[in-house]
Amino acid sequence: MLSVLTGGLEAARLAQPPIAARVPELAPESIHAPHSALALEGVSLSFGGIHALRDVSFDLRPGEIRAVIGPNGAGKSSLVNVISGLYQADAGYIHLGGRRLRHLRPEALPKLGVARTFQNLALFPGLTVEQNVAAGLVFRRRHGLLAQLAGLPGARAEAAEVADRVRDVAGFLGITAHLHRLVSTLPYGLQKQVELARALVASPKVLLLDEPMAGMTATEKAEMAAHVRSARDRLGLATILIEHDIGVVMGLSDRIAVLDHGVKIADGTPPEVRRDPDVIRAYLGAEAA
């Protein structure tokens, strides 16, 4: 158990900026949005005069899978990066946890109940699956490395809690048999599941999935889609899904927002979006009509 903390958690701590004792910047007034797990209000973002997002607004309800689709360069990943604090929006607000926030910082996300995965795998290849999953709990750590090495009672109890939680999530995703393997030895599809496990281990309320099925086979995509659906059904997660596979999106999502050149051009259920003429012209193609 101690190896989980001294390996996974310490490696994650060193790879991440220290947690600052600061609170996300609040707007002058706080707005409570009881029916939304997350909402964007007029979010805009530009790079050197090029607009990545223009006045984008939408909400994410508790227990909902909300896809964001669009052509390459539509602003999908920029949207996720604004929500996760990697980019600071030029204008607009993020509603999260009943608060209206100007900006978020990546290190504040776990405390706000938000977790994410990335387009490209962001795992620690020299660590085991168990250690990689445990790294998702680094921001909850109460005891430092010295306390762990000294075997203090509190540190031992924390290590046991971490190990139990890692096993629970591994069992949920069906990767228990791989916990003690180096993550770099796993097939790509399993590595993507490990990244999902790391996001789930801290019991988030909001999950941001940035192309979780990129590069997967059809079988791997079906398995990942089943995991995302189970996380919604069994854990009550609110999920934003960025995904290029329209078949997966239409079968998995409750609602879909469509971006084109940073502008939201449609928003609705999968059947509504599939029939929308603006979406057909911009993205799906006339054959979808």
C-alpha atoms as a PDB file:
ATOM      1  CA  MET A   1       0.000   0.000   0.000  1.00  0.00           C
ATOM      2  CA  LEU A   2       2.826   2.361   0.863  1.00  0.00           C
ATOM      3  CA  SER A   3       4.272   1.883  -2.620  1.00  0.00           C
ATOM      4  CA  VAL A   4       1.058   3.229  -4.096  1.00  0.00           C
ATOM      5  CA  LEU A   5       1.515   6.525  -2.273  1.00  0.00           C
ATOM      6  CA  THR A   6       5.273   6.836  -2.536  1.00  0.00           C
ATOM      7  CA  GLY A   7       5.172   5.947  -6.220  1.00  0.00           C
ATOM      8  CA  GLY A   8       1.938   7.126  -7.788  1.00  0.00           C
ATOM      9  CA  LEU A   9       1.095  10.052  -5.534  1.00  0.00           C
ATOM     10  CA  GLU A  10       4.604  11.407  -5.232  1.00  0.00           C
ATOM     11  CA  ALA A  11       5.242  11.156  -8.965  1.00  0.00           C
ATOM     12  CA  ALA A  12       1.999  12.987  -9.621  1.00  0.00           C
ATOM     13  CA  ARG A  13       2.871  15.645  -7.053  1.00  0.00           C
ATOM     14  CA  LEU A  14       6.216  16.310  -8.683  1.00  0.00           C
ATOM     15  CA  ALA A  15       4.648  16.454 -12.126  1.00  0.00           C
ATOM     16  CA  GLN A  16       1.976  18.960 -11.076  1.00  0.00           C
ATOM     17  CA  PRO A  17       2.286  22.549  -9.861  1.00  0.00           C
ATOM     18  CA  PRO A  18       1.851  22.912  -6.093  1.00  0.00           C
ATOM     19  CA  ILE A  19      -1.641  23.548  -4.856  1.00  0.00           C
ATOM     20  CA  ALA A  20      -1.942  27.253  -4.241  1.00  0.00           C
ATOM     21  CA  ALA A  21      -3.962  28.515  -1.320  1.00  0.00           C
ATOM     22  CA  ARG A  22      -6.258  30.484  -3.573  1.00  0.00           C
ATOM     23  CA  VAL A  23      -9.892  30.299  -4.517  1.00  0.00           C
ATOM     24  CA  PRO A  24     -11.129  30.528  -8.124  1.00  0.00           C
ATOM     25  CA  GLU A  25     -11.959  34.121  -8.972  1.00  0.00           C
ATOM     26  CA  LEU A  26     -15.621  34.860  -8.375  1.00  0.00           C
ATOM     27  CA  ALA A  27     -17.767  37.179 -10.422  1.00  0.00           C
ATOM     28  CA  PRO A  28     -19.118  40.264  -8.600  1.00  0.00           C
ATOM     29  CA  GLU A  29     -22.339  38.382  -7.939  1.00  0.00           C
ATOM     30  CA  SER A  30     -22.765  34.678  -7.286  1.00  0.00           C
ATOM     31  CA  ILE A  31     -25.495  32.860  -9.195  1.00  0.00           C
ATOM     32  CA  HIS A  32     -26.841  29.556  -7.943  1.00  0.00           C
ATOM     33  CA  ALA A  33     -27.745  27.136 -10.756  1.00  0.00           C
ATOM     34  CA  PRO A  34     -29.457  24.265  -8.891  1.00  0.00           C
ATOM     35  CA  HIS A  35     -30.413  22.336 -12.015  1.00  0.00           C
ATOM     36  CA  SER A  36     -26.969  22.382 -13.648  1.00  0.00           C
ATOM     37  CA  ALA A  37     -23.828  20.516 -12.688  1.00  0.00           C
ATOM     38  CA  LEU A  38     -21.901  22.898 -14.954  1.00  0.00           C
ATOM     39  CA  ALA A  39     -22.838  25.809 -17.196  1.00  0.00           C
ATOM     40  CA  LEU A  40     -21.039  28.165 -19.555  1.00  0.00           C
ATOM     41  CA  GLU A  41     -22.244  31.728 -19.945  1.00  0.00           C
ATOM     42  CA  GLY A  42     -21.062  33.732 -22.950  1.00  0.00           C
ATOM     43  CA  VAL A  43     -17.575  32.204 -23.045  1.00  0.00           C
ATOM     44  CA  SER A  44     -15.201  33.654 -25.649  1.00  0.00           C
ATOM     45  CA  LEU A  45     -11.557  32.832 -26.337  1.00  0.00           C
ATOM     46  CA  SER A  46      -9.106  34.081 -28.936  1.00  0.00           C
ATOM     47  CA  PHE A  47      -5.472  33.547 -29.858  1.00  0.00           C
ATOM     48  CA  GLY A  48      -3.723  36.439 -31.558  1.00  0.00           C
ATOM     49  CA  GLY A  49      -6.977  37.823 -32.883  1.00  0.00           C
ATOM     50  CA  ILE A  50      -8.220  34.417 -34.073  1.00  0.00           C
ATOM     51  CA  HIS A  51     -11.457  33.442 -32.353  1.00  0.00           C
ATOM     52  CA  ALA A  52     -11.467  29.926 -30.923  1.00  0.00           C
ATOM     53  CA  LEU A  53     -14.774  30.395 -29.069  1.00  0.00           C
ATOM     54  CA  ARG A  54     -17.409  33.070 -29.564  1.00  0.00           C
ATOM     55  CA  ASP A  55     -20.061  33.718 -26.921  1.00  0.00           C
ATOM     56  CA  VAL A  56     -20.651  30.029 -26.165  1.00  0.00           C
ATOM     57  CA  SER A  57     -23.331  29.172 -23.610  1.00  0.00           C
ATOM     58  CA  PHE A  58     -24.747  25.816 -22.567  1.00  0.00           C
ATOM     59  CA  ASP A  59     -25.465  23.770 -19.468  1.00  0.00           C
ATOM     60  CA  LEU A  60     -24.690  20.256 -18.248  1.00  0.00           C
ATOM     61  CA  ARG A  61     -27.264  18.573 -16.036  1.00  0.00           C
ATOM     62  CA  PRO A  62     -26.478  16.100 -13.250  1.00  0.00           C
ATOM     63  CA  GLY A  63     -26.318  12.555 -14.599  1.00  0.00           C
ATOM     64  CA  GLU A  64     -26.201  13.730 -18.214  1.00  0.00           C
ATOM     65  CA  ILE A  65     -23.818  12.820 -21.027  1.00  0.00           C
ATOM     66  CA  ARG A  66     -23.410  16.015 -23.046  1.00  0.00           C
ATOM     67  CA  ALA A  67     -21.454  15.697 -26.293  1.00  0.00           C
ATOM     68  CA  VAL A  68     -19.721  18.596 -28.020  1.00  0.00           C
ATOM     69  CA  ILE A  69     -19.044  17.958 -31.695  1.00  0.00           C
ATOM     70  CA  GLY A  70     -17.881  19.898 -34.722  1.00  0.00           C
ATOM     71  CA  PRO A  71     -15.333  19.915 -37.536  1.00  0.00           C
ATOM     72  CA  ASN A  72     -11.609  20.086 -36.833  1.00  0.00           C
ATOM     73  CA  GLY A  73     -10.805  23.540 -35.487  1.00  0.00           C
ATOM     74  CA  ALA A  74     -14.366  24.110 -34.287  1.00  0.00           C
ATOM     75  CA  GLY A  75     -13.199  24.893 -30.737  1.00  0.00           C
ATOM     76  CA  LYS A  76     -14.077  21.652 -28.958  1.00  0.00           C
ATOM     77  CA  SER A  77     -10.771  21.100 -27.162  1.00  0.00           C
ATOM     78  CA  SER A  78     -10.492  24.832 -26.476  1.00  0.00           C
ATOM     79  CA  LEU A  79     -13.832  24.592 -24.702  1.00  0.00           C
ATOM     80  CA  VAL A  80     -12.647  21.750 -22.471  1.00  0.00           C
ATOM     81  CA  ASN A  81      -9.386  23.579 -21.790  1.00  0.00           C
ATOM     82  CA  VAL A  82     -11.295  26.677 -20.667  1.00  0.00           C
ATOM     83  CA  ILE A  83     -13.472  24.620 -18.338  1.00  0.00           C
ATOM     84  CA  SER A  84     -10.425  22.844 -16.894  1.00  0.00           C
ATOM     85  CA  GLY A  85      -8.468  26.070 -16.420  1.00  0.00           C
ATOM     86  CA  LEU A  86      -5.706  25.402 -18.952  1.00  0.00           C
ATOM     87  CA  TYR A  87      -6.944  28.403 -20.955  1.00  0.00           C
ATOM     88  CA  GLN A  88      -8.348  31.600 -19.484  1.00  0.00           C
ATOM     89  CA  ALA A  89     -11.403  32.872 -21.349  1.00  0.00           C
ATOM     90  CA  ASP A  90     -11.422  36.422 -22.683  1.00  0.00           C
ATOM     91  CA  ALA A  91     -15.045  36.840 -21.631  1.00  0.00           C
ATOM     92  CA  GLY A  92     -17.829  34.916 -19.990  1.00  0.00           C
ATOM     93  CA  TYR A  93     -18.310  32.820 -16.887  1.00  0.00           C
ATOM     94  CA  ILE A  94     -18.332  29.226 -15.737  1.00  0.00           C
ATOM     95  CA  HIS A  95     -21.044  28.119 -13.315  1.00  0.00           C
ATOM     96  CA  LEU A  96     -19.841  25.290 -11.110  1.00  0.00           C
ATOM     97  CA  GLY A  97     -20.909  24.128  -7.695  1.00  0.00           C
ATOM     98  CA  GLY A  98     -23.455  26.926  -7.419  1.00  0.00           C
ATOM     99  CA  ARG A  99     -20.813  29.585  -8.065  1.00  0.00           C
ATOM    100  CA  ARG A 100     -20.267  31.895 -10.997  1.00  0.00           C
ATOM    101  CA  LEU A 101     -16.536  31.882 -11.739  1.00  0.00           C
ATOM    102  CA  ARG A 102     -14.501  34.152 -13.959  1.00  0.00           C
ATOM    103  CA  HIS A 103     -11.583  31.776 -14.248  1.00  0.00           C
ATOM    104  CA  LEU A 104     -10.678  28.319 -13.055  1.00  0.00           C
ATOM    105  CA  ARG A 105      -7.234  26.981 -12.267  1.00  0.00           C
ATOM    106  CA  PRO A 106      -6.294  23.354 -13.001  1.00  0.00           C
ATOM    107  CA  GLU A 107      -5.205  22.710  -9.423  1.00  0.00           C
ATOM    108  CA  ALA A 108      -8.621  23.822  -8.139  1.00  0.00           C
ATOM    109  CA  LEU A 109     -10.602  21.329 -10.210  1.00  0.00           C
ATOM    110  CA  PRO A 110     -10.415  18.277  -7.889  1.00  0.00           C
ATOM    111  CA  LYS A 111     -11.747  20.291  -4.958  1.00  0.00           C
ATOM    112  CA  LEU A 112     -14.608  21.468  -7.164  1.00  0.00           C
ATOM    113  CA  GLY A 113     -15.430  17.886  -8.142  1.00  0.00           C
ATOM    114  CA  VAL A 114     -14.161  18.023 -11.736  1.00  0.00           C
ATOM    115  CA  ALA A 115     -11.907  15.458 -13.430  1.00  0.00           C
ATOM    116  CA  ARG A 116     -10.749  15.110 -17.041  1.00  0.00           C
ATOM    117  CA  THR A 117      -8.956  12.920 -19.514  1.00  0.00           C
ATOM    118  CA  PHE A 118      -6.837  14.098 -22.443  1.00  0.00           C
ATOM    119  CA  GLN A 119      -6.690  13.498 -26.198  1.00  0.00           C
ATOM    120  CA  ASN A 120      -3.188  12.111 -25.817  1.00  0.00           C
ATOM    121  CA  LEU A 121      -2.432   9.739 -22.964  1.00  0.00           C
ATOM    122  CA  ALA A 122      -1.063  11.552 -19.915  1.00  0.00           C
ATOM    123  CA  LEU A 123       0.051   8.535 -17.893  1.00  0.00           C
ATOM    124  CA  PHE A 124       3.309   7.820 -16.062  1.00  0.00           C
ATOM    125  CA  PRO A 125       4.850   5.048 -18.210  1.00  0.00           C
ATOM    126  CA  GLY A 126       7.382   3.973 -15.572  1.00  0.00           C
ATOM    127  CA  LEU A 127       4.705   3.349 -12.927  1.00  0.00           C
ATOM    128  CA  THR A 128       2.239   0.530 -12.458  1.00  0.00           C
ATOM    129  CA  VAL A 129      -1.446   0.741 -13.256  1.00  0.00           C
ATOM    130  CA  GLU A 130      -2.160   0.927  -9.518  1.00  0.00           C
ATOM    131  CA  GLN A 131       0.211   3.855  -9.061  1.00  0.00           C
ATOM    132  CA  ASN A 132      -1.177   5.695 -12.077  1.00  0.00           C
ATOM    133  CA  VAL A 133      -4.733   5.378 -10.810  1.00  0.00           C
ATOM    134  CA  ALA A 134      -3.673   6.429  -7.300  1.00  0.00           C
ATOM    135  CA  ALA A 135      -2.194   9.599  -8.800  1.00  0.00           C
ATOM    136  CA  GLY A 136      -5.766  10.809  -9.255  1.00  0.00           C
ATOM    137  CA  LEU A 137      -5.948  11.208  -5.468  1.00  0.00           C
ATOM    138  CA  VAL A 138      -2.823  13.330  -5.084  1.00  0.00           C
ATOM    139  CA  PHE A 139      -4.810  16.473  -4.275  1.00  0.00           C
ATOM    140  CA  ARG A 140      -6.563  14.728  -1.408  1.00  0.00           C
ATOM    141  CA  ARG A 141      -3.334  13.763   0.287  1.00  0.00           C
ATOM    142  CA  ARG A 142      -3.202  14.786   3.928  1.00  0.00           C
ATOM    143  CA  HIS A 143       0.167  13.231   4.801  1.00  0.00           C
ATOM    144  CA  GLY A 144       3.491  14.029   3.159  1.00  0.00           C
ATOM    145  CA  LEU A 145       6.165  11.681   1.899  1.00  0.00           C
ATOM    146  CA  LEU A 146       8.124  11.704   5.173  1.00  0.00           C
ATOM    147  CA  ALA A 147       5.053  10.631   7.133  1.00  0.00           C
ATOM    148  CA  GLN A 148       4.491   7.821   4.652  1.00  0.00           C
ATOM    149  CA  LEU A 149       8.100   6.645   4.851  1.00  0.00           C
ATOM    150  CA  ALA A 150       8.019   6.815   8.646  1.00  0.00           C
ATOM    151  CA  GLY A 151       4.905   4.668   8.688  1.00  0.00           C
ATOM    152  CA  LEU A 152       2.916   7.042  10.881  1.00  0.00           C
ATOM    153  CA  PRO A 153      -0.565   5.735  11.758  1.00  0.00           C
ATOM    154  CA  GLY A 154      -2.343   8.468   9.825  1.00  0.00           C
ATOM    155  CA  ALA A 155      -0.204   7.852   6.753  1.00  0.00           C
ATOM    156  CA  ARG A 156      -0.819   4.108   6.952  1.00  0.00           C
ATOM    157  CA  ALA A 157      -4.564   4.661   7.196  1.00  0.00           C
ATOM    158  CA  GLU A 158      -4.442   7.000   4.231  1.00  0.00           C
ATOM    159  CA  ALA A 159      -2.469   4.458   2.204  1.00  0.00           C
ATOM    160  CA  ALA A 160      -5.100   1.825   2.986  1.00  0.00           C
ATOM    161  CA  GLU A 161      -7.885   4.182   1.908  1.00  0.00           C
ATOM    162  CA  VAL A 162      -6.097   4.928  -1.353  1.00  0.00           C
ATOM    163  CA  ALA A 163      -5.485   1.245  -2.071  1.00  0.00           C
ATOM    164  CA  ASP A 164      -9.129   0.397  -1.368  1.00  0.00           C
ATOM    165  CA  ARG A 165     -10.384   3.166  -3.612  1.00  0.00           C
ATOM    166  CA  VAL A 166      -8.030   2.156  -6.435  1.00  0.00           C
ATOM    167  CA  ARG A 167      -9.244  -1.448  -6.211  1.00  0.00           C
ATOM    168  CA  ASP A 168     -12.871  -0.319  -6.261  1.00  0.00           C
ATOM    169  CA  VAL A 169     -12.414   1.717  -9.438  1.00  0.00           C
ATOM    170  CA  ALA A 170     -10.292  -0.986 -11.067  1.00  0.00           C
ATOM    171  CA  GLY A 171     -13.049  -3.490 -10.375  1.00  0.00           C
ATOM    172  CA  PHE A 172     -15.670  -1.135 -11.789  1.00  0.00           C
ATOM    173  CA  LEU A 173     -13.722  -0.861 -15.064  1.00  0.00           C
ATOM    174  CA  GLY A 174     -12.562  -4.477 -15.162  1.00  0.00           C
ATOM    175  CA  ILE A 175      -8.816  -3.775 -14.962  1.00  0.00           C
ATOM    176  CA  THR A 176      -8.048  -5.371 -11.583  1.00  0.00           C
ATOM    177  CA  ALA A 177      -5.887  -8.077 -13.177  1.00  0.00           C
ATOM    178  CA  HIS A 178      -3.554  -5.396 -14.541  1.00  0.00           C
ATOM    179  CA  LEU A 179      -3.016  -3.339 -11.367  1.00  0.00           C
ATOM    180  CA  HIS A 180       0.569  -4.480 -10.796  1.00  0.00           C
ATOM    181  CA  ARG A 181       1.699  -4.249 -14.412  1.00  0.00           C
ATOM    182  CA  LEU A 182       3.666  -1.300 -15.750  1.00  0.00           C
ATOM    183  CA  VAL A 183       1.143   0.824 -17.585  1.00  0.00           C
ATOM    184  CA  SER A 184       3.511   1.096 -20.557  1.00  0.00           C
ATOM    185  CA  THR A 185       3.175  -2.659 -21.171  1.00  0.00           C
ATOM    186  CA  LEU A 186      -0.591  -2.479 -21.704  1.00  0.00           C
ATOM    187  CA  PRO A 187      -2.318  -2.237 -25.083  1.00  0.00           C
ATOM    188  CA  TYR A 188      -3.446   1.252 -26.040  1.00  0.00           C
ATOM    189  CA  GLY A 189      -7.114   0.580 -25.334  1.00  0.00           C
ATOM    190  CA  LEU A 190      -6.348  -0.574 -21.789  1.00  0.00           C
ATOM    191  CA  GLN A 191      -4.151   2.462 -21.203  1.00  0.00           C
ATOM    192  CA  LYS A 192      -7.131   4.656 -22.084  1.00  0.00           C
ATOM    193  CA  GLN A 193      -9.157   2.765 -19.472  1.00  0.00           C
ATOM    194  CA  VAL A 194      -6.421   3.405 -16.901  1.00  0.00           C
ATOM    195  CA  GLU A 195      -6.666   7.118 -17.646  1.00  0.00           C
ATOM    196  CA  LEU A 196     -10.429   6.932 -17.156  1.00  0.00           C
ATOM    197  CA  ALA A 197      -9.874   5.106 -13.854  1.00  0.00           C
ATOM    198  CA  ARG A 198      -7.535   7.867 -12.687  1.00  0.00           C
ATOM    199  CA  ALA A 199     -10.237  10.428 -13.466  1.00  0.00           C
ATOM    200  CA  LEU A 200     -12.913   8.441 -11.614  1.00  0.00           C
ATOM    201  CA  VAL A 201     -10.906   7.527  -8.522  1.00  0.00           C
ATOM    202  CA  ALA A 202     -11.545  10.852  -6.769  1.00  0.00           C
ATOM    203  CA  SER A 203     -15.341  10.472  -7.180  1.00  0.00           C
ATOM    204  CA  PRO A 204     -15.878  13.597  -9.301  1.00  0.00           C
ATOM    205  CA  LYS A 205     -19.279  15.099 -10.010  1.00  0.00           C
ATOM    206  CA  VAL A 206     -18.296  16.369 -13.464  1.00  0.00           C
ATOM    207  CA  LEU A 207     -16.182  14.404 -15.945  1.00  0.00           C
ATOM    208  CA  LEU A 208     -14.537  16.002 -19.000  1.00  0.00           C
ATOM    209  CA  LEU A 209     -13.633  13.456 -21.687  1.00  0.00           C
ATOM    210  CA  ASP A 210     -11.521  14.870 -24.518  1.00  0.00           C
ATOM    211  CA  GLU A 211     -11.654  12.296 -27.322  1.00  0.00           C
ATOM    212  CA  PRO A 212     -11.503   9.245 -25.024  1.00  0.00           C
ATOM    213  CA  MET A 213     -11.912   6.855 -27.967  1.00  0.00           C
ATOM    214  CA  ALA A 214      -9.378   8.374 -30.356  1.00  0.00           C
ATOM    215  CA  GLY A 215      -7.252   5.667 -31.980  1.00  0.00           C
ATOM    216  CA  MET A 216      -9.360   2.809 -30.634  1.00  0.00           C
ATOM    217  CA  THR A 217     -10.697  -0.193 -32.505  1.00  0.00           C
ATOM    218  CA  ALA A 218     -14.457  -0.646 -32.835  1.00  0.00           C
ATOM    219  CA  THR A 219     -14.401  -3.210 -30.011  1.00  0.00           C
ATOM    220  CA  GLU A 220     -12.415  -0.896 -27.729  1.00  0.00           C
ATOM    221  CA  LYS A 221     -14.782   1.982 -28.501  1.00  0.00           C
ATOM    222  CA  ALA A 222     -17.787  -0.121 -27.569  1.00  0.00           C
ATOM    223  CA  GLU A 223     -16.146  -1.091 -24.274  1.00  0.00           C
ATOM    224  CA  MET A 224     -15.227   2.503 -23.458  1.00  0.00           C
ATOM    225  CA  ALA A 225     -18.737   3.691 -24.329  1.00  0.00           C
ATOM    226  CA  ALA A 226     -20.137   1.071 -21.949  1.00  0.00           C
ATOM    227  CA  HIS A 227     -17.858   2.356 -19.173  1.00  0.00           C
ATOM    228  CA  VAL A 228     -18.923   5.968 -19.758  1.00  0.00           C
ATOM    229  CA  ARG A 229     -22.576   4.953 -19.701  1.00  0.00           C
ATOM    230  CA  SER A 230     -22.075   2.912 -16.514  1.00  0.00           C
ATOM    231  CA  ALA A 231     -20.334   5.860 -14.839  1.00  0.00           C
ATOM    232  CA  ARG A 232     -23.390   7.951 -15.620  1.00  0.00           C
ATOM    233  CA  ASP A 233     -25.923   5.335 -14.556  1.00  0.00           C
ATOM    234  CA  ARG A 234     -24.193   3.991 -11.435  1.00  0.00           C
ATOM    235  CA  LEU A 235     -22.215   6.996 -10.224  1.00  0.00           C
ATOM    236  CA  GLY A 236     -24.515   9.809 -11.348  1.00  0.00           C
ATOM    237  CA  LEU A 237     -21.724  11.592 -13.205  1.00  0.00           C
ATOM    238  CA  ALA A 238     -22.369  14.594 -15.411  1.00  0.00           C
ATOM    239  CA  THR A 239     -20.128  14.142 -18.445  1.00  0.00           C
ATOM    240  CA  ILE A 240     -18.931  16.351 -21.277  1.00  0.00           C
ATOM    241  CA  LEU A 241     -17.834  14.189 -24.189  1.00  0.00           C
ATOM    242  CA  ILE A 242     -15.651  15.409 -27.055  1.00  0.00           C
ATOM    243  CA  GLU A 243     -15.677  12.719 -29.721  1.00  0.00           C
ATOM    244  CA  HIS A 244     -15.305  12.497 -33.514  1.00  0.00           C
ATOM    245  CA  ASP A 245     -17.082   9.171 -33.978  1.00  0.00           C
ATOM    246  CA  ILE A 246     -20.626  10.303 -34.770  1.00  0.00           C
ATOM    247  CA  GLY A 247     -22.033   6.815 -34.305  1.00  0.00           C
ATOM    248  CA  VAL A 248     -20.683   6.712 -30.754  1.00  0.00           C
ATOM    249  CA  VAL A 249     -21.913  10.244 -30.036  1.00  0.00           C
ATOM    250  CA  MET A 250     -25.435   9.600 -31.291  1.00  0.00           C
ATOM    251  CA  GLY A 251     -25.727   6.366 -29.336  1.00  0.00           C
ATOM    252  CA  LEU A 252     -24.221   7.598 -26.082  1.00  0.00           C
ATOM    253  CA  SER A 253     -25.271  11.222 -25.619  1.00  0.00           C
ATOM    254  CA  ASP A 254     -28.361  12.675 -23.985  1.00  0.00           C
ATOM    255  CA  ARG A 255     -27.815  16.061 -25.632  1.00  0.00           C
ATOM    256  CA  ILE A 256     -25.341  17.439 -28.151  1.00  0.00           C
ATOM    257  CA  ALA A 257     -23.919  20.924 -28.700  1.00  0.00           C
ATOM    258  CA  VAL A 258     -22.429  21.589 -32.128  1.00  0.00           C
ATOM    259  CA  LEU A 259     -19.611  24.090 -32.677  1.00  0.00           C
ATOM    260  CA  ASP A 260     -18.449  25.551 -35.974  1.00  0.00           C
ATOM    261  CA  HIS A 261     -15.560  28.042 -36.020  1.00  0.00           C
ATOM    262  CA  GLY A 262     -16.041  28.605 -32.292  1.00  0.00           C
ATOM    263  CA  VAL A 263     -19.764  29.366 -32.558  1.00  0.00           C
ATOM    264  CA  LYS A 264     -22.501  27.117 -31.199  1.00  0.00           C
ATOM    265  CA  ILE A 265     -24.746  26.439 -34.196  1.00  0.00           C
ATOM    266  CA  ALA A 266     -27.037  23.797 -32.704  1.00  0.00           C
ATOM    267  CA  ASP A 267     -28.016  22.252 -29.391  1.00  0.00           C
ATOM    268  CA  GLY A 268     -30.432  19.431 -28.728  1.00  0.00           C
ATOM    269  CA  THR A 269     -31.064  15.717 -28.533  1.00  0.00           C
ATOM    270  CA  PRO A 270     -29.284  13.398 -30.988  1.00  0.00           C
ATOM    271  CA  PRO A 271     -32.323  13.152 -33.323  1.00  0.00           C
ATOM    272  CA  GLU A 272     -32.769  16.934 -33.266  1.00  0.00           C
ATOM    273  CA  VAL A 273     -29.118  17.568 -34.048  1.00  0.00           C
ATOM    274  CA  ARG A 274     -29.049  14.954 -36.797  1.00  0.00           C
ATOM    275  CA  ARG A 275     -31.937  16.727 -38.560  1.00  0.00           C
ATOM    276  CA  ASP A 276     -30.641  20.275 -38.087  1.00  0.00           C
ATOM    277  CA  PRO A 277     -29.858  21.794 -41.518  1.00  0.00           C
ATOM    278  CA  ASP A 278     -27.017  23.948 -40.168  1.00  0.00           C
ATOM    279  CA  VAL A 279     -25.362  20.880 -38.675  1.00  0.00           C
ATOM    280  CA  ILE A 280     -25.801  18.911 -41.878  1.00  0.00           C
ATOM    281  CA  ARG A 281     -24.164  21.672 -43.904  1.00  0.00           C
ATOM    282  CA  ALA A 282     -21.324  22.303 -41.459  1.00  0.00           C
ATOM    283  CA  TYR A 283     -20.486  18.849 -40.232  1.00  0.00           C
ATOM    284  CA  LEU A 284     -22.592  15.755 -40.794  1.00  0.00           C
ATOM    285  CA  GLY A 285     -22.915  16.040 -44.559  1.00  0.00           C
ATOM    286  CA  ALA A 286     -25.955  15.965 -46.771  1.00  0.00           C
ATOM    287  CA  GLU A 287     -26.117  12.159 -46.584  1.00  0.00           C
ATOM    288  CA  ALA A 288     -27.188  12.431 -42.939  1.00  0.00           C
ATOM    289  CA  ALA A 289     -30.398  14.197 -43.918  1.00  0.00           C
END
